[in-house]
Amino acid sequence: MIKKLTHSQISEKRLSTETLHLSDKFPLYVLLDNIRSMYNVGSIFRTSDGIMIKKLLLTGYTPTPEKKEVLKTALGSADSVEWEYIKNPIHAIKRLKDEKIKIAALELTNKSRNYTEVTKDEFPLCLIVGNEITGIQNSILEQCDFSVELPMFGIKHSLNVAVAYGVAVYELRRKYFG
């Protein structure tokens, strides 16, 4: 018979904020640009903790964890995910490129490829996620090495930004770790 685990049983198998630094992080950086919803940002923090990304970069008017709505949805993950606010996304991208990190947009473009086609040799990688309505700015797209998209089969052309992020990064983690 299947039985749901208790919170204490689940906690026994998880890292703590005290032991988190002992584990290798997944070499994925994520740049959020002009995300307007504090709840989407909190959800992205929580997913980022779930896959242990290297760092979350918040740019433009993306809200930071000082906002209670971000913290409410993040459920403590703002303490376990390394993050930084950098107003200008181009400055953040330049810094990443200087560190030899490839830059990928999660965006529908004329050259996007399926998100499942990313390979392990493209890491370390920074995935850029843009505004819920307007997507990633063209000035940012010009800085990207490539773009990836999620296939859509219905009438809508995109998913909620936090949902799309979750789908994409779990696949990226699978690709990296095999």
N, C-alpha and C. Protein backbone atom coordinates (compact mmCIF):
# COMPACT_ATOMS: atom_id res chain seq x y z
N MET A 1 0.84 -1.19 0.00
CA MET A 1 0.00 0.00 0.00
C MET A 1 0.88 1.25 0.00
N ILE A 2 0.53 2.23 -0.76
CA ILE A 2 1.25 3.50 -0.81
C ILE A 2 0.83 4.37 0.36
N LYS A 3 1.84 4.92 1.06
CA LYS A 3 1.56 5.83 2.18
C LYS A 3 2.33 7.12 1.98
N LYS A 4 1.67 8.21 2.20
CA LYS A 4 2.31 9.51 2.10
C LYS A 4 3.33 9.66 3.22
N LEU A 5 4.50 10.21 2.88
CA LEU A 5 5.53 10.45 3.89
C LEU A 5 5.14 11.64 4.76
N THR A 6 5.56 11.60 6.01
CA THR A 6 5.34 12.73 6.91
C THR A 6 6.39 13.80 6.62
N HIS A 7 6.19 14.98 7.15
CA HIS A 7 7.17 16.05 6.96
C HIS A 7 8.52 15.68 7.55
N SER A 8 8.52 15.02 8.69
CA SER A 8 9.80 14.63 9.29
C SER A 8 10.50 13.56 8.46
N GLN A 9 9.77 12.64 7.88
CA GLN A 9 10.38 11.63 7.00
C GLN A 9 10.97 12.28 5.75
N ILE A 10 10.29 13.24 5.21
CA ILE A 10 10.79 13.95 4.04
C ILE A 10 12.04 14.75 4.43
N SER A 11 12.01 15.41 5.56
CA SER A 11 13.14 16.24 6.01
C SER A 11 14.40 15.42 6.23
N GLU A 12 14.26 14.17 6.63
CA GLU A 12 15.42 13.31 6.85
C GLU A 12 16.23 13.12 5.56
N LYS A 13 15.58 13.21 4.42
CA LYS A 13 16.23 12.98 3.13
C LYS A 13 16.70 14.28 2.46
N ARG A 14 16.48 15.42 3.09
CA ARG A 14 16.78 16.71 2.47
C ARG A 14 17.97 17.37 3.15
N LEU A 15 18.60 18.26 2.39
CA LEU A 15 19.65 19.11 2.95
C LEU A 15 19.00 20.14 3.86
N SER A 16 19.80 20.72 4.73
CA SER A 16 19.32 21.83 5.55
C SER A 16 20.07 23.09 5.11
N THR A 17 19.65 24.24 5.59
CA THR A 17 20.38 25.46 5.24
C THR A 17 21.80 25.41 5.79
N GLU A 18 22.02 24.63 6.83
CA GLU A 18 23.36 24.48 7.40
C GLU A 18 24.25 23.55 6.57
N THR A 19 23.67 22.59 5.87
CA THR A 19 24.47 21.63 5.09
C THR A 19 24.42 21.88 3.58
N LEU A 20 23.64 22.84 3.16
CA LEU A 20 23.48 23.13 1.74
C LEU A 20 24.81 23.43 1.06
N HIS A 21 25.69 24.15 1.74
CA HIS A 21 26.97 24.54 1.15
C HIS A 21 27.88 23.33 0.88
N LEU A 22 27.57 22.18 1.45
CA LEU A 22 28.39 20.98 1.25
C LEU A 22 28.11 20.28 -0.08
N SER A 23 27.03 20.65 -0.73
CA SER A 23 26.63 20.00 -1.98
C SER A 23 27.02 20.84 -3.18
N ASP A 24 27.36 20.15 -4.26
CA ASP A 24 27.64 20.84 -5.51
C ASP A 24 26.33 21.34 -6.10
N LYS A 25 26.35 22.57 -6.56
CA LYS A 25 25.16 23.14 -7.19
C LYS A 25 25.15 22.78 -8.68
N PHE A 26 23.97 22.69 -9.22
CA PHE A 26 23.75 22.49 -10.64
C PHE A 26 24.26 23.74 -11.36
N PRO A 27 25.16 23.62 -12.36
CA PRO A 27 25.78 24.80 -12.97
C PRO A 27 24.82 25.57 -13.91
N LEU A 28 23.70 25.96 -13.33
CA LEU A 28 22.72 26.74 -14.06
C LEU A 28 22.50 28.05 -13.32
N TYR A 29 22.69 29.14 -14.04
CA TYR A 29 22.35 30.47 -13.55
C TYR A 29 21.04 30.83 -14.22
N VAL A 30 20.25 31.63 -13.55
CA VAL A 30 18.97 32.04 -14.12
C VAL A 30 18.85 33.55 -13.97
N LEU A 31 18.52 34.21 -15.06
CA LEU A 31 18.33 35.65 -15.05
C LEU A 31 16.86 35.93 -15.31
N LEU A 32 16.23 36.60 -14.36
CA LEU A 32 14.84 37.01 -14.52
C LEU A 32 14.82 38.48 -14.88
N ASP A 33 14.21 38.82 -16.01
CA ASP A 33 14.17 40.22 -16.41
C ASP A 33 12.73 40.71 -16.47
N ASN A 34 12.47 41.75 -15.69
CA ASN A 34 11.18 42.44 -15.68
C ASN A 34 9.99 41.51 -15.46
N ILE A 35 10.17 40.56 -14.56
CA ILE A 35 9.03 39.73 -14.15
C ILE A 35 8.15 40.62 -13.26
N ARG A 36 6.90 40.73 -13.57
CA ARG A 36 6.06 41.67 -12.82
C ARG A 36 5.37 41.06 -11.60
N SER A 37 5.09 39.78 -11.66
CA SER A 37 4.34 39.15 -10.57
C SER A 37 5.26 38.67 -9.45
N MET A 38 4.99 39.17 -8.25
CA MET A 38 5.77 38.73 -7.09
C MET A 38 5.55 37.25 -6.82
N TYR A 39 4.36 36.76 -7.12
CA TYR A 39 4.06 35.34 -6.90
C TYR A 39 4.83 34.46 -7.89
N ASN A 40 4.98 34.91 -9.13
CA ASN A 40 5.80 34.16 -10.09
C ASN A 40 7.25 34.12 -9.63
N VAL A 41 7.76 35.24 -9.13
CA VAL A 41 9.15 35.27 -8.65
C VAL A 41 9.31 34.32 -7.47
N GLY A 42 8.38 34.33 -6.53
CA GLY A 42 8.45 33.40 -5.39
C GLY A 42 8.41 31.95 -5.84
N SER A 43 7.57 31.66 -6.80
CA SER A 43 7.48 30.30 -7.34
C SER A 43 8.79 29.90 -8.01
N ILE A 44 9.40 30.82 -8.73
CA ILE A 44 10.68 30.54 -9.40
C ILE A 44 11.77 30.30 -8.35
N PHE A 45 11.75 31.04 -7.25
CA PHE A 45 12.69 30.77 -6.16
C PHE A 45 12.53 29.34 -5.65
N ARG A 46 11.29 28.95 -5.45
CA ARG A 46 11.02 27.61 -4.90
C ARG A 46 11.48 26.51 -5.85
N THR A 47 11.20 26.66 -7.13
CA THR A 47 11.67 25.70 -8.12
C THR A 47 13.19 25.70 -8.19
N SER A 48 13.80 26.87 -8.10
CA SER A 48 15.26 26.99 -8.14
C SER A 48 15.91 26.24 -6.98
N ASP A 49 15.29 26.29 -5.82
CA ASP A 49 15.78 25.51 -4.68
C ASP A 49 15.62 24.01 -4.97
N GLY A 50 14.50 23.64 -5.55
CA GLY A 50 14.23 22.24 -5.84
C GLY A 50 15.26 21.59 -6.74
N ILE A 51 15.86 22.36 -7.64
CA ILE A 51 16.88 21.78 -8.53
C ILE A 51 18.29 22.25 -8.20
N MET A 52 18.42 23.09 -7.17
CA MET A 52 19.72 23.58 -6.68
C MET A 52 20.53 24.32 -7.75
N ILE A 53 19.90 25.34 -8.34
CA ILE A 53 20.64 26.15 -9.31
C ILE A 53 21.81 26.85 -8.63
N LYS A 54 22.73 27.31 -9.44
CA LYS A 54 23.91 28.01 -8.92
C LYS A 54 23.53 29.40 -8.40
N LYS A 55 22.80 30.17 -9.20
CA LYS A 55 22.47 31.52 -8.77
C LYS A 55 21.30 32.07 -9.57
N LEU A 56 20.51 32.90 -8.91
CA LEU A 56 19.37 33.57 -9.51
C LEU A 56 19.69 35.07 -9.58
N LEU A 57 19.62 35.62 -10.78
CA LEU A 57 19.89 37.05 -10.98
C LEU A 57 18.57 37.75 -11.30
N LEU A 58 18.22 38.72 -10.49
CA LEU A 58 16.98 39.47 -10.67
C LEU A 58 17.33 40.81 -11.30
N THR A 59 16.70 41.15 -12.42
CA THR A 59 17.05 42.38 -13.12
C THR A 59 15.80 43.18 -13.47
N GLY A 60 16.05 44.44 -13.87
CA GLY A 60 14.94 45.31 -14.25
C GLY A 60 14.05 45.58 -13.05
N TYR A 61 12.74 45.51 -13.26
CA TYR A 61 11.81 45.75 -12.15
C TYR A 61 11.32 44.45 -11.48
N THR A 62 12.04 43.36 -11.71
CA THR A 62 11.70 42.10 -11.04
C THR A 62 11.74 42.31 -9.53
N PRO A 63 10.69 41.96 -8.81
CA PRO A 63 10.70 42.14 -7.35
C PRO A 63 11.68 41.19 -6.67
N THR A 64 12.23 41.63 -5.56
CA THR A 64 13.20 40.86 -4.79
C THR A 64 12.53 40.29 -3.54
N PRO A 65 13.22 39.38 -2.85
CA PRO A 65 12.63 38.74 -1.66
C PRO A 65 12.33 39.68 -0.49
N GLU A 66 12.67 40.94 -0.60
CA GLU A 66 12.24 41.87 0.46
C GLU A 66 10.73 42.07 0.45
N LYS A 67 10.10 41.72 -0.65
CA LYS A 67 8.64 41.86 -0.76
C LYS A 67 7.97 40.64 -0.13
N LYS A 68 6.98 40.90 0.72
CA LYS A 68 6.33 39.80 1.46
C LYS A 68 5.64 38.80 0.53
N GLU A 69 5.14 39.27 -0.62
CA GLU A 69 4.46 38.37 -1.55
C GLU A 69 5.44 37.38 -2.18
N VAL A 70 6.67 37.82 -2.42
CA VAL A 70 7.71 36.92 -2.94
C VAL A 70 8.01 35.88 -1.87
N LEU A 71 8.23 36.34 -0.66
CA LEU A 71 8.57 35.42 0.44
C LEU A 71 7.45 34.41 0.71
N LYS A 72 6.21 34.86 0.62
CA LYS A 72 5.08 33.96 0.88
C LYS A 72 5.08 32.77 -0.08
N THR A 73 5.31 33.04 -1.35
CA THR A 73 5.29 31.97 -2.34
C THR A 73 6.59 31.18 -2.34
N ALA A 74 7.71 31.83 -2.01
CA ALA A 74 9.02 31.16 -2.00
C ALA A 74 9.12 30.14 -0.86
N LEU A 75 8.34 30.28 0.18
CA LEU A 75 8.31 29.35 1.31
C LEU A 75 9.70 29.01 1.86
N GLY A 76 10.52 30.04 2.11
CA GLY A 76 11.83 29.83 2.71
C GLY A 76 12.96 29.64 1.73
N SER A 77 12.65 29.47 0.46
CA SER A 77 13.72 29.19 -0.52
C SER A 77 14.57 30.42 -0.83
N ALA A 78 14.13 31.60 -0.45
CA ALA A 78 14.96 32.79 -0.64
C ALA A 78 16.20 32.71 0.24
N ASP A 79 16.16 31.86 1.27
CA ASP A 79 17.33 31.65 2.13
C ASP A 79 18.27 30.57 1.59
N SER A 80 17.78 29.71 0.72
CA SER A 80 18.61 28.61 0.22
C SER A 80 19.10 28.82 -1.20
N VAL A 81 18.53 29.76 -1.91
CA VAL A 81 18.94 30.05 -3.29
C VAL A 81 19.79 31.31 -3.27
N GLU A 82 21.00 31.20 -3.78
CA GLU A 82 21.84 32.39 -3.89
C GLU A 82 21.22 33.30 -4.95
N TRP A 83 21.07 34.58 -4.62
CA TRP A 83 20.47 35.52 -5.56
C TRP A 83 21.14 36.87 -5.44
N GLU A 84 20.97 37.64 -6.50
CA GLU A 84 21.53 38.99 -6.56
C GLU A 84 20.63 39.84 -7.42
N TYR A 85 20.48 41.11 -7.04
CA TYR A 85 19.75 42.05 -7.87
C TYR A 85 20.76 42.90 -8.64
N ILE A 86 20.61 42.94 -9.95
CA ILE A 86 21.42 43.78 -10.83
C ILE A 86 20.43 44.50 -11.73
N LYS A 87 20.32 45.80 -11.58
CA LYS A 87 19.30 46.55 -12.33
C LYS A 87 19.38 46.32 -13.84
N ASN A 88 20.57 46.42 -14.42
CA ASN A 88 20.73 46.33 -15.86
C ASN A 88 21.06 44.89 -16.27
N PRO A 89 20.16 44.23 -17.00
CA PRO A 89 20.41 42.83 -17.38
C PRO A 89 21.62 42.66 -18.29
N ILE A 90 21.92 43.66 -19.11
CA ILE A 90 23.07 43.57 -20.02
C ILE A 90 24.37 43.51 -19.21
N HIS A 91 24.45 44.25 -18.12
CA HIS A 91 25.63 44.19 -17.25
C HIS A 91 25.77 42.80 -16.65
N ALA A 92 24.66 42.21 -16.23
CA ALA A 92 24.69 40.86 -15.66
C ALA A 92 25.15 39.84 -16.71
N ILE A 93 24.65 39.97 -17.92
CA ILE A 93 25.02 39.04 -19.00
C ILE A 93 26.49 39.17 -19.34
N LYS A 94 26.99 40.40 -19.40
CA LYS A 94 28.41 40.60 -19.70
C LYS A 94 29.28 39.92 -18.66
N ARG A 95 28.90 40.06 -17.41
CA ARG A 95 29.65 39.42 -16.32
C ARG A 95 29.65 37.90 -16.48
N LEU A 96 28.51 37.34 -16.80
CA LEU A 96 28.42 35.89 -17.01
C LEU A 96 29.26 35.44 -18.19
N LYS A 97 29.19 36.18 -19.28
CA LYS A 97 29.99 35.83 -20.46
C LYS A 97 31.49 35.91 -20.16
N ASP A 98 31.89 36.87 -19.34
CA ASP A 98 33.30 36.97 -18.93
C ASP A 98 33.74 35.73 -18.17
N GLU A 99 32.79 35.06 -17.52
CA GLU A 99 33.06 33.83 -16.78
C GLU A 99 32.87 32.59 -17.66
N LYS A 100 32.69 32.78 -18.96
CA LYS A 100 32.54 31.69 -19.95
C LYS A 100 31.25 30.90 -19.76
N ILE A 101 30.22 31.58 -19.33
CA ILE A 101 28.90 30.96 -19.16
C ILE A 101 28.07 31.26 -20.40
N LYS A 102 27.52 30.22 -21.02
CA LYS A 102 26.68 30.39 -22.20
C LYS A 102 25.34 30.98 -21.77
N ILE A 103 24.74 31.74 -22.67
CA ILE A 103 23.50 32.44 -22.39
C ILE A 103 22.40 31.91 -23.31
N ALA A 104 21.30 31.46 -22.70
CA ALA A 104 20.17 30.93 -23.46
C ALA A 104 18.88 31.63 -23.05
N ALA A 105 18.10 32.01 -24.02
CA ALA A 105 16.80 32.63 -23.77
C ALA A 105 15.71 31.55 -23.78
N LEU A 106 14.80 31.63 -22.85
CA LEU A 106 13.60 30.80 -22.90
C LEU A 106 12.55 31.66 -23.60
N GLU A 107 12.52 31.56 -24.92
CA GLU A 107 11.72 32.49 -25.71
C GLU A 107 11.44 31.91 -27.10
N LEU A 108 10.30 32.26 -27.65
CA LEU A 108 9.97 31.92 -29.03
C LEU A 108 10.68 32.91 -29.94
N THR A 109 11.62 32.42 -30.73
CA THR A 109 12.34 33.28 -31.67
C THR A 109 12.40 32.58 -33.03
N ASN A 110 12.93 33.27 -34.02
CA ASN A 110 13.05 32.66 -35.34
C ASN A 110 14.11 31.57 -35.36
N LYS A 111 14.92 31.48 -34.31
CA LYS A 111 15.97 30.47 -34.26
C LYS A 111 15.88 29.58 -33.03
N SER A 112 14.75 29.60 -32.31
CA SER A 112 14.70 28.76 -31.11
C SER A 112 14.62 27.30 -31.47
N ARG A 113 15.16 26.52 -30.57
CA ARG A 113 15.12 25.06 -30.73
C ARG A 113 14.36 24.49 -29.53
N ASN A 114 13.97 23.27 -29.64
CA ASN A 114 13.24 22.61 -28.57
C ASN A 114 14.11 22.55 -27.31
N TYR A 115 13.51 22.82 -26.17
CA TYR A 115 14.23 22.83 -24.90
C TYR A 115 14.88 21.48 -24.58
N THR A 116 14.43 20.42 -25.18
CA THR A 116 15.01 19.10 -24.92
C THR A 116 16.31 18.88 -25.68
N GLU A 117 16.67 19.80 -26.56
CA GLU A 117 17.87 19.64 -27.38
C GLU A 117 19.14 20.23 -26.76
N VAL A 118 19.03 20.83 -25.59
CA VAL A 118 20.22 21.34 -24.90
C VAL A 118 21.08 20.15 -24.49
N THR A 119 22.39 20.29 -24.63
CA THR A 119 23.30 19.19 -24.30
C THR A 119 24.17 19.55 -23.10
N LYS A 120 24.75 18.54 -22.49
CA LYS A 120 25.58 18.74 -21.30
C LYS A 120 26.76 19.65 -21.58
N ASP A 121 27.31 19.61 -22.78
CA ASP A 121 28.48 20.43 -23.08
C ASP A 121 28.15 21.92 -23.20
N GLU A 122 26.87 22.29 -23.12
CA GLU A 122 26.49 23.70 -23.15
C GLU A 122 26.45 24.33 -21.76
N PHE A 123 26.85 23.57 -20.76
CA PHE A 123 26.93 24.08 -19.38
C PHE A 123 28.37 24.45 -19.06
N PRO A 124 28.58 25.40 -18.15
CA PRO A 124 27.60 26.15 -17.38
C PRO A 124 26.76 27.05 -18.30
N LEU A 125 25.54 27.26 -17.87
CA LEU A 125 24.55 27.92 -18.70
C LEU A 125 23.77 28.91 -17.85
N CYS A 126 23.38 30.01 -18.49
CA CYS A 126 22.43 30.94 -17.87
C CYS A 126 21.17 30.93 -18.71
N LEU A 127 20.05 30.64 -18.07
CA LEU A 127 18.75 30.66 -18.74
C LEU A 127 18.09 31.99 -18.41
N ILE A 128 17.69 32.71 -19.45
CA ILE A 128 17.01 34.00 -19.25
C ILE A 128 15.52 33.80 -19.41
N VAL A 129 14.78 34.33 -18.44
CA VAL A 129 13.33 34.26 -18.44
C VAL A 129 12.81 35.69 -18.41
N GLY A 130 11.89 36.03 -19.30
CA GLY A 130 11.44 37.40 -19.44
C GLY A 130 10.03 37.65 -18.94
N ASN A 131 9.59 38.86 -19.17
CA ASN A 131 8.31 39.37 -18.74
C ASN A 131 7.14 38.48 -19.19
N GLU A 132 6.14 38.39 -18.33
CA GLU A 132 4.99 37.54 -18.57
C GLU A 132 4.21 37.90 -19.83
N ILE A 133 4.20 39.16 -20.21
CA ILE A 133 3.43 39.60 -21.38
C ILE A 133 4.31 39.82 -22.60
N THR A 134 5.41 40.54 -22.42
CA THR A 134 6.25 40.95 -23.56
C THR A 134 7.44 40.05 -23.80
N GLY A 135 7.72 39.13 -22.90
CA GLY A 135 8.84 38.22 -23.07
C GLY A 135 10.17 38.90 -22.85
N ILE A 136 11.20 38.40 -23.49
CA ILE A 136 12.56 38.90 -23.32
C ILE A 136 12.79 40.05 -24.30
N GLN A 137 13.37 41.12 -23.80
CA GLN A 137 13.67 42.30 -24.63
C GLN A 137 14.64 41.94 -25.76
N ASN A 138 14.46 42.58 -26.91
CA ASN A 138 15.35 42.34 -28.05
C ASN A 138 16.81 42.63 -27.72
N SER A 139 17.06 43.67 -26.93
CA SER A 139 18.45 44.01 -26.57
C SER A 139 19.10 42.87 -25.78
N ILE A 140 18.32 42.12 -25.05
CA ILE A 140 18.83 40.96 -24.30
C ILE A 140 19.00 39.77 -25.25
N LEU A 141 18.02 39.55 -26.12
CA LEU A 141 18.11 38.45 -27.08
C LEU A 141 19.37 38.55 -27.93
N GLU A 142 19.76 39.75 -28.27
CA GLU A 142 20.97 39.96 -29.07
C GLU A 142 22.23 39.46 -28.36
N GLN A 143 22.17 39.34 -27.04
CA GLN A 143 23.32 38.89 -26.24
C GLN A 143 23.34 37.37 -26.06
N CYS A 144 22.28 36.68 -26.47
CA CYS A 144 22.14 35.25 -26.21
C CYS A 144 22.90 34.41 -27.23
N ASP A 145 23.42 33.28 -26.76
CA ASP A 145 24.08 32.31 -27.63
C ASP A 145 23.05 31.47 -28.40
N PHE A 146 21.91 31.23 -27.77
CA PHE A 146 20.83 30.49 -28.42
C PHE A 146 19.54 30.69 -27.64
N SER A 147 18.44 30.25 -28.22
CA SER A 147 17.16 30.31 -27.52
C SER A 147 16.48 28.95 -27.59
N VAL A 148 15.70 28.68 -26.55
CA VAL A 148 14.95 27.43 -26.48
C VAL A 148 13.48 27.75 -26.25
N GLU A 149 12.64 26.84 -26.69
CA GLU A 149 11.21 27.03 -26.52
C GLU A 149 10.56 25.73 -26.08
N LEU A 150 9.42 25.88 -25.45
CA LEU A 150 8.58 24.74 -25.09
C LEU A 150 7.51 24.59 -26.18
N PRO A 151 7.32 23.39 -26.69
CA PRO A 151 6.28 23.23 -27.72
C PRO A 151 4.88 23.43 -27.11
N MET A 152 4.03 24.09 -27.85
CA MET A 152 2.66 24.32 -27.42
C MET A 152 1.74 23.65 -28.44
N PHE A 153 0.76 22.91 -27.97
CA PHE A 153 -0.08 22.13 -28.87
C PHE A 153 -1.52 22.61 -28.95
N GLY A 154 -1.89 23.53 -28.07
CA GLY A 154 -3.25 24.06 -28.08
C GLY A 154 -3.31 25.41 -28.77
N ILE A 155 -4.27 26.23 -28.38
CA ILE A 155 -4.44 27.53 -29.02
C ILE A 155 -3.57 28.62 -28.39
N LYS A 156 -3.12 28.43 -27.18
CA LYS A 156 -2.27 29.43 -26.52
C LYS A 156 -0.83 29.24 -26.96
N HIS A 157 -0.08 30.34 -27.01
CA HIS A 157 1.30 30.25 -27.49
C HIS A 157 2.34 30.16 -26.37
N SER A 158 1.88 30.22 -25.11
CA SER A 158 2.85 30.11 -24.02
C SER A 158 2.19 29.67 -22.73
N LEU A 159 3.04 29.25 -21.80
CA LEU A 159 2.60 28.88 -20.45
C LEU A 159 2.87 30.05 -19.50
N ASN A 160 2.31 29.98 -18.31
CA ASN A 160 2.69 30.92 -17.26
C ASN A 160 4.20 30.86 -17.09
N VAL A 161 4.84 32.00 -16.85
CA VAL A 161 6.30 32.08 -16.81
C VAL A 161 6.90 31.14 -15.75
N ALA A 162 6.29 31.04 -14.59
CA ALA A 162 6.84 30.17 -13.54
C ALA A 162 6.67 28.70 -13.92
N VAL A 163 5.58 28.37 -14.59
CA VAL A 163 5.36 26.99 -15.04
C VAL A 163 6.36 26.64 -16.14
N ALA A 164 6.50 27.53 -17.12
CA ALA A 164 7.46 27.29 -18.21
C ALA A 164 8.87 27.13 -17.65
N TYR A 165 9.23 27.96 -16.69
CA TYR A 165 10.53 27.87 -16.05
C TYR A 165 10.71 26.47 -15.43
N GLY A 166 9.72 26.02 -14.69
CA GLY A 166 9.81 24.72 -14.04
C GLY A 166 9.98 23.58 -15.03
N VAL A 167 9.21 23.60 -16.09
CA VAL A 167 9.33 22.56 -17.12
C VAL A 167 10.74 22.56 -17.70
N ALA A 168 11.21 23.75 -18.07
CA ALA A 168 12.51 23.87 -18.74
C ALA A 168 13.67 23.45 -17.83
N VAL A 169 13.68 23.93 -16.60
CA VAL A 169 14.86 23.67 -15.76
C VAL A 169 14.95 22.23 -15.27
N TYR A 170 13.82 21.59 -15.08
CA TYR A 170 13.91 20.17 -14.70
C TYR A 170 14.46 19.34 -15.86
N GLU A 171 14.10 19.71 -17.09
CA GLU A 171 14.68 19.02 -18.25
C GLU A 171 16.16 19.34 -18.38
N LEU A 172 16.55 20.57 -18.14
CA LEU A 172 17.97 20.93 -18.20
C LEU A 172 18.77 20.15 -17.16
N ARG A 173 18.22 20.02 -15.98
CA ARG A 173 18.90 19.24 -14.94
C ARG A 173 19.06 17.78 -15.37
N ARG A 174 18.00 17.22 -15.95
CA ARG A 174 18.06 15.84 -16.43
C ARG A 174 19.14 15.69 -17.51
N LYS A 175 19.21 16.66 -18.40
CA LYS A 175 20.21 16.62 -19.47
C LYS A 175 21.62 16.68 -18.89
N TYR A 176 21.82 17.48 -17.86
CA TYR A 176 23.16 17.66 -17.29
C TYR A 176 23.60 16.42 -16.50
N PHE A 177 22.72 15.91 -15.67
CA PHE A 177 23.08 14.80 -14.79
C PHE A 177 22.81 13.43 -15.41
N GLY A 178 22.08 13.44 -16.53
CA GLY A 178 21.83 12.17 -17.21
C GLY A 178 20.74 11.44 -16.61
